[in-house]
C-alpha atoms as a PDB file:
ATOM      1  CA  MET A   1      81.724  16.775-122.456  1.00  0.00           C
ATOM      2  CA  LYS A   2      83.368  17.860-119.118  1.00  0.00           C
ATOM      3  CA  SER A   3      80.617  17.249-116.606  1.00  0.00           C
ATOM      4  CA  LEU A   4      79.843  13.933-118.372  1.00  0.00           C
ATOM      5  CA  SER A   5      83.316  12.687-118.347  1.00  0.00           C
ATOM      6  CA  ARG A   6      83.220  14.016-114.328  1.00  0.00           C
ATOM      7  CA  TRP A   7      80.104  11.694-113.883  1.00  0.00           C
ATOM      8  CA  ILE A   8      81.721   8.355-115.866  1.00  0.00           C
ATOM      9  CA  SER A   9      84.865   8.228-114.310  1.00  0.00           C
ATOM     10  CA  PRO A  10      84.139   7.060-111.152  1.00  0.00           C
ATOM     11  CA  LEU A  11      81.538   4.562-112.936  1.00  0.00           C
ATOM     12  CA  ILE A  12      84.295   3.231-114.660  1.00  0.00           C
ATOM     13  CA  LEU A  13      86.902   3.327-111.981  1.00  0.00           C
ATOM     14  CA  GLY A  14      83.861   1.133-109.510  1.00  0.00           C
ATOM     15  CA  VAL A  15      83.214  -1.219-112.765  1.00  0.00           C
ATOM     16  CA  VAL A  16      87.271  -2.024-113.198  1.00  0.00           C
ATOM     17  CA  MET A  17      88.336  -2.136-109.454  1.00  0.00           C
ATOM     18  CA  PHE A  18      85.492  -4.927-108.945  1.00  0.00           C
ATOM     19  CA  ASN A  19      86.619  -6.521-111.725  1.00  0.00           C
ATOM     20  CA  THR A  20      90.386  -6.396-110.810  1.00  0.00           C
ATOM     21  CA  ILE A  21      89.049  -8.027-107.411  1.00  0.00           C
ATOM     22  CA  ARG A  22      87.507 -10.752-108.865  1.00  0.00           C
ATOM     23  CA  LEU A  23      90.812 -11.642-111.503  1.00  0.00           C
ATOM     24  CA  VAL A  24      92.943 -11.713-108.736  1.00  0.00           C
ATOM     25  CA  THR A  25      90.723 -13.744-106.572  1.00  0.00           C
ATOM     26  CA  ASP A  26      89.699 -16.527-109.059  1.00  0.00           C
ATOM     27  CA  LEU A  27      92.027 -16.965-111.664  1.00  0.00           C
ATOM     28  CA  PRO A  28      94.951 -17.799-109.002  1.00  0.00           C
ATOM     29  CA  SER A  29      92.088 -19.975-107.491  1.00  0.00           C
ATOM     30  CA  HIS A  30      91.358 -21.950-110.868  1.00  0.00           C
ATOM     31  CA  ASN A  31      87.856 -20.686-110.360  1.00  0.00           C
ATOM     32  CA  PRO A  32      85.481 -19.616-113.415  1.00  0.00           C
ATOM     33  CA  PHE A  33      85.646 -15.619-113.540  1.00  0.00           C
ATOM     34  CA  TRP A  34      82.464 -14.515-111.797  1.00  0.00           C
ATOM     35  CA  SER A  35      82.144 -17.688-109.748  1.00  0.00           C
ATOM     36  CA  ASN A  36      79.216 -18.123-107.499  1.00  0.00           C
ATOM     37  CA  SER A  37      75.867 -16.486-108.073  1.00  0.00           C
ATOM     38  CA  VAL A  38      75.730 -13.217-110.357  1.00  0.00           C
ATOM     39  CA  PRO A  39      73.264 -11.605-107.679  1.00  0.00           C
ATOM     40  CA  PHE A  40      76.426 -11.438-105.338  1.00  0.00           C
ATOM     41  CA  HIS A  41      78.487 -10.147-107.539  1.00  0.00           C
ATOM     42  CA  LEU A  42      76.154  -7.122-108.893  1.00  0.00           C
ATOM     43  CA  LEU A  43      75.374  -6.458-105.294  1.00  0.00           C
ATOM     44  CA  ALA A  44      79.686  -6.140-104.331  1.00  0.00           C
ATOM     45  CA  LEU A  45      79.600  -4.347-107.863  1.00  0.00           C
ATOM     46  CA  PHE A  46      77.284  -1.726-107.121  1.00  0.00           C
ATOM     47  CA  VAL A  47      78.836  -1.389-103.542  1.00  0.00           C
ATOM     48  CA  SER A  48      82.268  -0.948-105.486  1.00  0.00           C
ATOM     49  CA  VAL A  49      80.729   1.929-107.677  1.00  0.00           C
ATOM     50  CA  LEU A  50      79.237   3.708-105.002  1.00  0.00           C
ATOM     51  CA  MET A  51      82.662   3.482-102.687  1.00  0.00           C
ATOM     52  CA  SER A  52      83.922   5.589-106.139  1.00  0.00           C
ATOM     53  CA  TYR A  53      81.650   7.847-106.304  1.00  0.00           C
ATOM     54  CA  ALA A  54      82.204   8.636-102.705  1.00  0.00           C
ATOM     55  CA  PHE A  55      85.280   8.957-102.940  1.00  0.00           C
ATOM     56  CA  ASP A  56      85.325  11.351-106.083  1.00  0.00           C
ATOM     57  CA  PHE A  57      83.299  13.788-104.143  1.00  0.00           C
ATOM     58  CA  TYR A  58      85.730  13.600-100.733  1.00  0.00           C
ATOM     59  CA  ALA A  59      88.714  13.629-103.027  1.00  0.00           C
ATOM     60  CA  ARG A  60      87.595  16.525-104.798  1.00  0.00           C
ATOM     61  CA  TYR A  61      86.942  17.890-100.978  1.00  0.00           C
ATOM     62  CA  TYR A  62      90.108  17.067-100.027  1.00  0.00           C
ATOM     63  CA  MET A  63      92.137  18.551-102.635  1.00  0.00           C
ATOM     64  CA  LYS A  64      90.521  21.598-102.251  1.00  0.00           C
ATOM     65  CA  ARG A  65      91.060  21.578 -98.491  1.00  0.00           C
ATOM     66  CA  VAL A  66      94.778  20.789 -98.776  1.00  0.00           C
ATOM     67  CA  ARG A  67      95.417  23.284-101.409  1.00  0.00           C
ATOM     68  CA  ALA A  68      94.020  25.994 -99.104  1.00  0.00           C
ATOM     69  CA  LYS A  69      96.693  24.926 -96.318  1.00  0.00           C
ATOM     70  CA  ASN A  70      99.443  25.005 -98.433  1.00  0.00           C
ATOM     71  CA  ILE A  71     100.811  21.838 -97.207  1.00  0.00           C
ATOM     72  CA  SER A  72     103.607  19.845 -99.231  1.00  0.00           C
ATOM     73  CA  VAL A  73     102.816  17.041-101.367  1.00  0.00           C
ATOM     74  CA  MET A  74     104.351  14.601 -99.465  1.00  0.00           C
ATOM     75  CA  LEU A  75     102.157  15.196 -96.752  1.00  0.00           C
ATOM     76  CA  GLU A  76      99.168  15.258 -98.875  1.00  0.00           C
ATOM     77  CA  TYR A  77      99.917  11.971-100.596  1.00  0.00           C
ATOM     78  CA  THR A  78     100.375  10.589 -96.855  1.00  0.00           C
ATOM     79  CA  LEU A  79      97.162  11.982 -95.435  1.00  0.00           C
ATOM     80  CA  LEU A  80      95.270  10.755 -98.290  1.00  0.00           C
ATOM     81  CA  LEU A  81      96.777   6.828 -97.647  1.00  0.00           C
ATOM     82  CA  VAL A  82      96.023   6.840 -94.434  1.00  0.00           C
ATOM     83  CA  TYR A  83      92.388   7.959 -95.026  1.00  0.00           C
ATOM     84  CA  LEU A  84      92.291   5.297 -97.606  1.00  0.00           C
ATOM     85  CA  PHE A  85      93.211   2.392 -95.317  1.00  0.00           C
ATOM     86  CA  PHE A  86      91.118   3.384 -92.674  1.00  0.00           C
ATOM     87  CA  ALA A  87      88.279   3.706 -95.025  1.00  0.00           C
ATOM     88  CA  VAL A  88      88.813   0.999 -96.784  1.00  0.00           C
ATOM     89  CA  ASN A  89      89.032  -2.117 -94.199  1.00  0.00           C
ATOM     90  CA  LEU A  90      86.145  -0.201 -92.327  1.00  0.00           C
ATOM     91  CA  ILE A  91      83.666  -0.876 -95.524  1.00  0.00           C
ATOM     92  CA  LEU A  92      85.364  -4.308 -95.989  1.00  0.00           C
ATOM     93  CA  TYR A  93      84.346  -5.210 -92.283  1.00  0.00           C
ATOM     94  CA  LEU A  94      80.748  -3.885 -92.770  1.00  0.00           C
ATOM     95  CA  GLY A  95      80.602  -5.418 -95.823  1.00  0.00           C
ATOM     96  CA  ASP A  96      81.776  -8.369 -94.482  1.00  0.00           C
ATOM     97  CA  ASN A  97      79.368  -8.809 -91.556  1.00  0.00           C
ATOM     98  CA  ILE A  98      76.875  -8.356 -94.006  1.00  0.00           C
ATOM     99  CA  GLY A  99      77.577 -10.907 -96.315  1.00  0.00           C
ATOM    100  CA  ILE A 100      78.391  -9.370 -99.294  1.00  0.00           C
ATOM    101  CA  LEU A 101      82.064  -9.258 -99.634  1.00  0.00           C
ATOM    102  CA  PHE A 102      83.539 -12.371 -97.866  1.00  0.00           C
ATOM    103  CA  LEU A 103      84.776 -14.766-100.422  1.00  0.00           C
ATOM    104  CA  GLY A 104      85.771 -17.724 -97.971  1.00  0.00           C
ATOM    105  CA  ASP A 105      89.173 -16.188 -96.657  1.00  0.00           C
ATOM    106  CA  LYS A 106      89.188 -13.443 -94.896  1.00  0.00           C
ATOM    107  CA  ILE A 107      92.615 -12.578 -94.383  1.00  0.00           C
ATOM    108  CA  ALA A 108      93.349 -13.046 -98.354  1.00  0.00           C
ATOM    109  CA  ASP A 109      90.177 -10.843 -98.959  1.00  0.00           C
ATOM    110  CA  TYR A 110      91.100  -8.089 -96.963  1.00  0.00           C
ATOM    111  CA  VAL A 111      94.554  -8.178 -97.991  1.00  0.00           C
ATOM    112  CA  ILE A 112      93.743  -7.876-102.042  1.00  0.00           C
ATOM    113  CA  ALA A 113      90.589  -5.361-101.092  1.00  0.00           C
ATOM    114  CA  ASP A 114      93.220  -3.024 -99.515  1.00  0.00           C
ATOM    115  CA  VAL A 115      95.633  -3.385-102.276  1.00  0.00           C
ATOM    116  CA  VAL A 116      93.577  -2.887-105.034  1.00  0.00           C
ATOM    117  CA  CYS A 117      91.404  -0.396-104.109  1.00  0.00           C
ATOM    118  CA  ILE A 118      93.776   1.495-102.172  1.00  0.00           C
ATOM    119  CA  LEU A 119      95.966   1.573-105.443  1.00  0.00           C
ATOM    120  CA  TYR A 120      93.070   2.292-107.753  1.00  0.00           C
ATOM    121  CA  PHE A 121      91.748   5.056-105.414  1.00  0.00           C
ATOM    122  CA  PHE A 122      95.260   6.536-104.886  1.00  0.00           C
ATOM    123  CA  LEU A 123      95.786   6.524-109.035  1.00  0.00           C
ATOM    124  CA  TYR A 124      92.493   8.405-109.247  1.00  0.00           C
ATOM    125  CA  TYR A 125      93.296  10.888-107.135  1.00  0.00           C
ATOM    126  CA  ILE A 126      96.447  11.536-108.781  1.00  0.00           C
ATOM    127  CA  ILE A 127      94.897  11.830-112.286  1.00  0.00           C
ATOM    128  CA  ILE A 128      92.097  14.447-111.015  1.00  0.00           C
ATOM    129  CA  ARG A 129      95.271  16.189-109.439  1.00  0.00           C
ATOM    130  CA  ASN A 130      97.034  16.486-112.273  1.00  0.00           C
ATOM    131  CA  ASP A 131      93.620  17.525-114.359  1.00  0.00           C
ATOM    132  CA  LYS A 132      93.107  19.947-112.329  1.00  0.00           C
ATOM    133  CA  LEU A 133      96.715  21.377-112.108  1.00  0.00           C
ATOM    134  CA  GLU A 134      96.563  21.268-116.102  1.00  0.00           C
ATOM    135  CA  LYS A 135      93.381  23.306-116.338  1.00  0.00           C
ATOM    136  CA  GLU A 136      94.897  25.911-113.735  1.00  0.00           C
ATOM    137  CA  TYR A 137      98.002  26.006-115.647  1.00  0.00           C
ATOM    138  CA  ASN A 138      96.133  26.799-118.665  1.00  0.00           C
ATOM    139  CA  GLN A 139      93.913  29.035-117.468  1.00  0.00           C
ATOM    140  CA  GLN A 140      96.857  31.148-115.760  1.00  0.00           C
ATOM    141  CA  SER A 141      98.955  30.303-119.317  1.00  0.00           C
ATOM    142  CA  LEU A 142      95.631  32.590-120.998  1.00  0.00           C
ATOM    143  CA  GLN A 143      95.629  34.935-118.254  1.00  0.00           C
ATOM    144  CA  MET A 144      99.254  35.648-119.105  1.00  0.00           C
ATOM    145  CA  GLU A 145      98.565  35.717-122.392  1.00  0.00           C
ATOM    146  CA  LYS A 146      96.012  38.319-121.890  1.00  0.00           C
ATOM    147  CA  ILE A 147      97.962  40.035-119.690  1.00  0.00           C
ATOM    148  CA  LYS A 148     100.808  40.732-122.367  1.00  0.00           C
ATOM    149  CA  VAL A 149      97.999  41.864-124.949  1.00  0.00           C
ATOM    150  CA  ASP A 150      96.559  44.201-123.089  1.00  0.00           C
ATOM    151  CA  GLN A 151     100.612  45.525-122.094  1.00  0.00           C
ATOM    152  CA  LEU A 152     101.133  45.834-125.920  1.00  0.00           C
ATOM    153  CA  GLU A 153      97.553  47.653-126.505  1.00  0.00           C
ATOM    154  CA  ILE A 154      98.740  50.361-123.714  1.00  0.00           C
ATOM    155  CA  GLU A 155     101.958  50.151-125.102  1.00  0.00           C
ATOM    156  CA  LEU A 156     100.355  51.032-128.633  1.00  0.00           C
ATOM    157  CA  LYS A 157      98.232  53.881-126.984  1.00  0.00           C
ATOM    158  CA  PHE A 158     101.098  55.222-125.744  1.00  0.00           C
ATOM    159  CA  LEU A 159     102.843  55.700-128.855  1.00  0.00           C
ATOM    160  CA  ARG A 160      99.977  56.778-130.306  1.00  0.00           C
ATOM    161  CA  ALA A 161      99.354  59.080-127.648  1.00  0.00           C
ATOM    162  CA  GLN A 162     103.181  60.346-128.041  1.00  0.00           C
ATOM    163  CA  TYR A 163     101.908  62.259-131.482  1.00  0.00           C
ATOM    164  CA  HIS A 164      99.793  65.055-129.728  1.00  0.00           C
ATOM    165  CA  PRO A 165     102.455  66.197-127.398  1.00  0.00           C
ATOM    166  CA  HIS A 166     105.676  65.678-129.588  1.00  0.00           C
ATOM    167  CA  PHE A 167     103.967  68.146-132.240  1.00  0.00           C
ATOM    168  CA  LEU A 168     102.726  70.217-129.298  1.00  0.00           C
ATOM    169  CA  PHE A 169     106.778  70.433-127.988  1.00  0.00           C
ATOM    170  CA  ASN A 170     108.097  71.383-131.808  1.00  0.00           C
ATOM    171  CA  ALA A 171     104.913  73.835-131.914  1.00  0.00           C
ATOM    172  CA  LEU A 172     106.010  75.178-128.440  1.00  0.00           C
ATOM    173  CA  ASN A 173     109.710  75.733-129.580  1.00  0.00           C
ATOM    174  CA  THR A 174     108.649  77.753-132.505  1.00  0.00           C
ATOM    175  CA  VAL A 175     106.507  80.007-130.206  1.00  0.00           C
ATOM    176  CA  TYR A 176     109.068  80.030-127.789  1.00  0.00           C
ATOM    177  CA  PHE A 177     111.742  82.096-129.702  1.00  0.00           C
ATOM    178  CA  GLN A 178     109.384  84.301-131.764  1.00  0.00           C
ATOM    179  CA  ILE A 179     108.649  85.594-128.057  1.00  0.00           C
ATOM    180  CA  ASP A 180     110.591  88.829-127.506  1.00  0.00           C
ATOM    181  CA  GLU A 181     113.107  87.711-124.697  1.00  0.00           C
ATOM    182  CA  LYS A 182     111.825  90.581-122.836  1.00  0.00           C
ATOM    183  CA  ASN A 183     108.551  89.262-122.255  1.00  0.00           C
ATOM    184  CA  LYS A 184     109.865  86.705-119.526  1.00  0.00           C
ATOM    185  CA  VAL A 185     106.798  85.744-118.127  1.00  0.00           C
ATOM    186  CA  PRO A 186     104.999  84.126-120.904  1.00  0.00           C
ATOM    187  CA  ARG A 187     108.429  82.613-121.877  1.00  0.00           C
ATOM    188  CA  HIS A 188     108.717  81.225-118.346  1.00  0.00           C
ATOM    189  CA  THR A 189     105.689  80.068-118.953  1.00  0.00           C
ATOM    190  CA  LEU A 190     106.069  77.966-122.483  1.00  0.00           C
ATOM    191  CA  GLU A 191     109.302  76.590-120.488  1.00  0.00           C
ATOM    192  CA  MET A 192     107.515  74.935-117.822  1.00  0.00           C
ATOM    193  CA  LEU A 193     104.884  73.466-120.352  1.00  0.00           C
ATOM    194  CA  SER A 194     107.897  72.321-122.362  1.00  0.00           C
ATOM    195  CA  ASP A 195     109.518  70.785-119.532  1.00  0.00           C
ATOM    196  CA  LEU A 196     106.145  68.368-118.895  1.00  0.00           C
ATOM    197  CA  LEU A 197     105.269  67.304-122.660  1.00  0.00           C
ATOM    198  CA  ARG A 198     109.244  66.537-122.777  1.00  0.00           C
ATOM    199  CA  TYR A 199     108.644  64.252-119.491  1.00  0.00           C
ATOM    200  CA  GLN A 200     105.759  62.722-120.982  1.00  0.00           C
ATOM    201  CA  LEU A 201     107.306  62.151-124.542  1.00  0.00           C
ATOM    202  CA  TYR A 202     110.732  60.813-123.372  1.00  0.00           C
ATOM    203  CA  GLY A 203     109.533  59.422-119.560  1.00  0.00           C
ATOM    204  CA  GLY A 204     108.267  56.267-121.136  1.00  0.00           C
ATOM    205  CA  ASN A 205     106.801  53.394-119.629  1.00  0.00           C
ATOM    206  CA  LYS A 206     109.598  52.461-117.815  1.00  0.00           C
ATOM    207  CA  LYS A 207     110.391  52.914-113.939  1.00  0.00           C
ATOM    208  CA  VAL A 208     111.557  56.158-113.031  1.00  0.00           C
ATOM    209  CA  PRO A 209     112.998  57.676-109.684  1.00  0.00           C
ATOM    210  CA  ILE A 210     110.313  59.331-107.411  1.00  0.00           C
ATOM    211  CA  GLN A 211     111.807  62.225-106.992  1.00  0.00           C
ATOM    212  CA  LYS A 212     111.641  62.720-110.916  1.00  0.00           C
ATOM    213  CA  GLU A 213     108.091  62.374-111.269  1.00  0.00           C
ATOM    214  CA  ILE A 214     107.236  64.471-107.983  1.00  0.00           C
ATOM    215  CA  ASP A 215     109.805  67.396-109.936  1.00  0.00           C
ATOM    216  CA  TYR A 216     106.998  67.095-112.499  1.00  0.00           C
ATOM    217  CA  LEU A 217     104.236  66.823-110.322  1.00  0.00           C
ATOM    218  CA  LYS A 218     105.222  70.409-108.699  1.00  0.00           C
ATOM    219  CA  THR A 219     105.968  71.699-112.455  1.00  0.00           C
ATOM    220  CA  TYR A 220     102.436  70.447-113.694  1.00  0.00           C
ATOM    221  CA  MET A 221     100.613  72.367-110.287  1.00  0.00           C
ATOM    222  CA  ASN A 222     102.896  75.695-110.979  1.00  0.00           C
ATOM    223  CA  PHE A 223     101.738  75.572-114.260  1.00  0.00           C
ATOM    224  CA  GLN A 224      98.011  75.247-113.749  1.00  0.00           C
ATOM    225  CA  ARG A 225      98.405  77.552-111.265  1.00  0.00           C
ATOM    226  CA  LEU A 226      99.067  80.261-113.628  1.00  0.00           C
ATOM    227  CA  ARG A 227      95.705  79.787-114.569  1.00  0.00           C
ATOM    228  CA  MET A 228      93.665  79.403-111.606  1.00  0.00           C
ATOM    229  CA  SER A 229      92.166  82.081-109.093  1.00  0.00           C
ATOM    230  CA  GLU A 230      94.062  83.679-106.721  1.00  0.00           C
ATOM    231  CA  ARG A 231      91.518  82.317-104.720  1.00  0.00           C
ATOM    232  CA  LEU A 232      92.897  79.051-104.708  1.00  0.00           C
ATOM    233  CA  VAL A 233      94.781  77.707-101.747  1.00  0.00           C
ATOM    234  CA  LEU A 234      97.007  74.715-102.582  1.00  0.00           C
ATOM    235  CA  ASN A 235      98.880  72.687 -99.756  1.00  0.00           C
ATOM    236  CA  VAL A 236     101.173  70.386-100.894  1.00  0.00           C
ATOM    237  CA  ARG A 237     103.088  68.276 -98.181  1.00  0.00           C
ATOM    238  CA  ILE A 238     105.731  65.508 -99.683  1.00  0.00           C
ATOM    239  CA  SER A 239     107.621  63.699 -97.246  1.00  0.00           C
ATOM    240  CA  GLU A 240     111.147  64.185 -97.849  1.00  0.00           C
ATOM    241  CA  ASP A 241     111.928  60.074 -97.455  1.00  0.00           C
ATOM    242  CA  LEU A 242     110.685  60.068-101.217  1.00  0.00           C
ATOM    243  CA  LYS A 243     113.897  59.961-103.177  1.00  0.00           C
ATOM    244  CA  GLU A 244     115.151  57.282-104.959  1.00  0.00           C
ATOM    245  CA  GLN A 245     112.317  54.791-104.788  1.00  0.00           C
ATOM    246  CA  GLU A 246     111.268  53.671-108.288  1.00  0.00           C
ATOM    247  CA  ILE A 247     108.031  54.222-109.770  1.00  0.00           C
ATOM    248  CA  TYR A 248     105.914  53.913-112.908  1.00  0.00           C
ATOM    249  CA  PRO A 249     105.602  57.159-114.474  1.00  0.00           C
ATOM    250  CA  LEU A 250     102.478  59.456-114.391  1.00  0.00           C
ATOM    251  CA  LEU A 251     100.294  57.701-112.303  1.00  0.00           C
ATOM    252  CA  PHE A 252      99.191  60.502-109.623  1.00  0.00           C
ATOM    253  CA  LEU A 253      98.758  63.300-112.900  1.00  0.00           C
ATOM    254  CA  PRO A 254      95.373  62.244-113.616  1.00  0.00           C
ATOM    255  CA  LEU A 255      94.031  62.474-109.548  1.00  0.00           C
ATOM    256  CA  ILE A 256      95.947  65.914-109.879  1.00  0.00           C
ATOM    257  CA  GLU A 257      94.399  66.895-113.283  1.00  0.00           C
ATOM    258  CA  ASN A 258      91.204  65.879-111.853  1.00  0.00           C
ATOM    259  CA  ALA A 259      91.521  68.291-108.587  1.00  0.00           C
ATOM    260  CA  PHE A 260      92.145  71.286-110.633  1.00  0.00           C
ATOM    261  CA  LYS A 261      89.462  70.930-113.043  1.00  0.00           C
ATOM    262  CA  TYR A 262      86.684  70.063-110.733  1.00  0.00           C
ATOM    263  CA  VAL A 263      88.234  72.526-107.766  1.00  0.00           C
ATOM    264  CA  GLY A 264      85.621  75.197-106.681  1.00  0.00           C
ATOM    265  CA  GLY A 265      83.753  76.610-103.706  1.00  0.00           C
ATOM    266  CA  ASP A 266      86.577  77.486-101.271  1.00  0.00           C
ATOM    267  CA  TYR A 267      89.165  76.375-104.120  1.00  0.00           C
ATOM    268  CA  HIS A 268      91.027  74.378-101.743  1.00  0.00           C
ATOM    269  CA  ILE A 269      93.066  71.701-102.579  1.00  0.00           C
ATOM    270  CA  ASP A 270      95.435  69.584-100.212  1.00  0.00           C
ATOM    271  CA  LEU A 271      98.280  67.028-101.491  1.00  0.00           C
ATOM    272  CA  ASP A 272     100.166  64.388 -98.860  1.00  0.00           C
ATOM    273  CA  MET A 273     102.909  62.071-100.039  1.00  0.00           C
ATOM    274  CA  SER A 274     104.657  59.874 -97.913  1.00  0.00           C
ATOM    275  CA  CYS A 275     105.880  56.310 -97.416  1.00  0.00           C
ATOM    276  CA  GLU A 276     105.624  53.865 -94.835  1.00  0.00           C
ATOM    277  CA  LYS A 277     106.363  50.162 -94.410  1.00  0.00           C
ATOM    278  CA  GLY A 278     107.107  49.647 -97.823  1.00  0.00           C
ATOM    279  CA  LYS A 279     104.082  51.865 -99.537  1.00  0.00           C
ATOM    280  CA  ILE A 280     103.943  54.856-101.166  1.00  0.00           C
ATOM    281  CA  LEU A 281     100.784  56.602-100.015  1.00  0.00           C
ATOM    282  CA  PHE A 282      99.450  59.443-101.975  1.00  0.00           C
ATOM    283  CA  SER A 283      96.303  61.908-100.625  1.00  0.00           C
ATOM    284  CA  LEU A 284      94.545  64.257-102.355  1.00  0.00           C
ATOM    285  CA  PHE A 285      91.631  66.380-101.222  1.00  0.00           C
ATOM    286  CA  ASN A 286      89.930  69.363-103.465  1.00  0.00           C
ATOM    287  CA  SER A 287      86.873  71.429-102.852  1.00  0.00           C
ATOM    288  CA  LYS A 288      84.103  71.847-105.284  1.00  0.00           C
ATOM    289  CA  PRO A 289      81.311  73.546-106.191  1.00  0.00           C
ATOM    290  CA  LEU A 290      77.507  72.772-104.799  1.00  0.00           C
ATOM    291  CA  ASP A 291      76.267  71.954-108.753  1.00  0.00           C
ATOM    292  CA  ALA A 292      74.337  69.616-109.785  1.00  0.00           C
ATOM    293  CA  GLU A 293      75.510  69.914-113.619  1.00  0.00           C
ATOM    294  CA  ILE A 294      79.132  68.855-112.994  1.00  0.00           C
ATOM    295  CA  LYS A 295      80.259  65.857-113.811  1.00  0.00           C
ATOM    296  CA  SER A 296      81.119  63.212-111.232  1.00  0.00           C
ATOM    297  CA  HIS A 297      85.183  62.518-110.141  1.00  0.00           C
ATOM    298  CA  ARG A 298      84.633  58.949-110.949  1.00  0.00           C
ATOM    299  CA  LYS A 299      83.974  59.422-114.825  1.00  0.00           C
ATOM    300  CA  GLY A 300      85.852  59.772-117.143  1.00  0.00           C
ATOM    301  CA  ILE A 301      88.815  58.195-119.484  1.00  0.00           C
ATOM    302  CA  GLY A 302      91.836  59.217-117.313  1.00  0.00           C
ATOM    303  CA  LEU A 303      90.491  57.309-114.314  1.00  0.00           C
ATOM    304  CA  GLU A 304      89.394  54.393-116.107  1.00  0.00           C
ATOM    305  CA  ASN A 305      93.266  54.279-117.872  1.00  0.00           C
ATOM    306  CA  LEU A 306      94.600  54.736-114.384  1.00  0.00           C
ATOM    307  CA  ARG A 307      92.683  51.891-113.192  1.00  0.00           C
ATOM    308  CA  ARG A 308      93.880  49.911-116.067  1.00  0.00           C
ATOM    309  CA  ARG A 309      97.293  50.783-115.527  1.00  0.00           C
ATOM    310  CA  LEU A 310      97.669  50.124-112.107  1.00  0.00           C
ATOM    311  CA  LEU A 311      96.135  46.577-112.461  1.00  0.00           C
ATOM    312  CA  LEU A 312      98.990  45.831-115.149  1.00  0.00           C
ATOM    313  CA  LEU A 313     101.992  47.544-113.530  1.00  0.00           C
ATOM    314  CA  TYR A 314     100.918  47.014-109.836  1.00  0.00           C
ATOM    315  CA  PRO A 315      98.631  43.424-109.352  1.00  0.00           C
ATOM    316  CA  ASP A 316      97.903  42.787-106.208  1.00  0.00           C
ATOM    317  CA  LYS A 317     100.159  45.389-104.852  1.00  0.00           C
ATOM    318  CA  HIS A 318      97.631  48.829-104.655  1.00  0.00           C
ATOM    319  CA  SER A 319      94.926  50.212-103.802  1.00  0.00           C
ATOM    320  CA  LEU A 320      92.518  53.279-105.313  1.00  0.00           C
ATOM    321  CA  ASP A 321      89.913  55.109-103.001  1.00  0.00           C
ATOM    322  CA  LEU A 322      87.556  57.907-104.405  1.00  0.00           C
ATOM    323  CA  GLN A 323      85.226  59.316-102.243  1.00  0.00           C
ATOM    324  CA  GLU A 324      82.923  61.672-103.273  1.00  0.00           C
ATOM    325  CA  GLN A 325      80.888  64.566-101.654  1.00  0.00           C
ATOM    326  CA  PRO A 326      78.814  67.479-102.316  1.00  0.00           C
ATOM    327  CA  ASP A 327      81.239  69.987-101.457  1.00  0.00           C
ATOM    328  CA  HIS A 328      84.275  68.443-101.893  1.00  0.00           C
ATOM    329  CA  PHE A 329      86.305  64.971-103.409  1.00  0.00           C
ATOM    330  CA  VAL A 330      88.902  62.630-101.996  1.00  0.00           C
ATOM    331  CA  ALA A 331      91.453  60.584-103.696  1.00  0.00           C
ATOM    332  CA  LYS A 332      93.738  57.877-101.860  1.00  0.00           C
ATOM    333  CA  LEU A 333      96.107  55.761-103.873  1.00  0.00           C
ATOM    334  CA  MET A 334      98.609  53.632-102.284  1.00  0.00           C
ATOM    335  CA  ILE A 335     101.032  51.840-104.349  1.00  0.00           C
ATOM    336  CA  GLU A 336     103.540  49.134-102.626  1.00  0.00           C
ATOM    337  CA  THR A 337     107.269  49.653-103.871  1.00  0.00           C
ATOM    338  CA  GLU A 338     110.642  50.153-102.316  1.00  0.00           C
ATOM    339  CA  CYS A 339     109.669  52.746 -99.811  1.00  0.00           C
ATOM    340  CA  VAL A 340     110.843  52.096 -96.411  1.00  0.00           C
END
């Protein structure tokens, strides 16, 4: 239906424009409508319709170009009117010379054709421009609604995921008080795990100071080291400039989880985190064993959820680069924030 309307609209424009010219030409002169020969008028009508189709294609091309350059609406309309003036008068001049547009009064012909053609073409441009803007607005509205639905789904999943850490948090408290105070190592381990679960449970999905996120990540890495081989070499370099900047929580955790999950070979993990020119730069390297049966870092629900959260929370303000090699894996995450 839209395609049919696109092709019929210039035809209607050409017919209406030609007959308007005939009305303002014949009626004031008390001449019959469509006076003179019918073939002459049909030829002129064909020229009018052809001009309308040509203008339709040009108008859409022109609209695309000027919007890409982001010029003002006033300048957009002014340039169009200038183009129409020269184009219409050139066509009138050529048509006059081959005898299909001259009606007896050259000056009047030019004035009438200029006023009618330029006015109709200009109105037609405004109509298709507004139609384009309306379609884009509707698409943006639908996209915004989709984003809102996606955000609600994420919040729902987040609330559902809270049940598990909440249950574990209460269970850990019970186990903690059942351990004798002399057993400091297991009690300390439970304290670390409780801190991790507490952050996940009560951190929510709102921005937090990045120092709080860094403290959480350090606690998580210290907890993971308890179960890792003593061969593990863990190098953590975090810029001191990262303190008060706010960021959405738990965006770096999936990458660190993967590093500890797949580390092997030389048992080497390097973490770098800094801020530069309004961007938080996070880089993570881990060695891995040369084992074909080990699944790829790139797969898994954790990374898929991370990509989705980044897309929703930092649209066009992030980049995630995952580089997998036979013996190591590198993850680089950039987030634009208020870092200076």
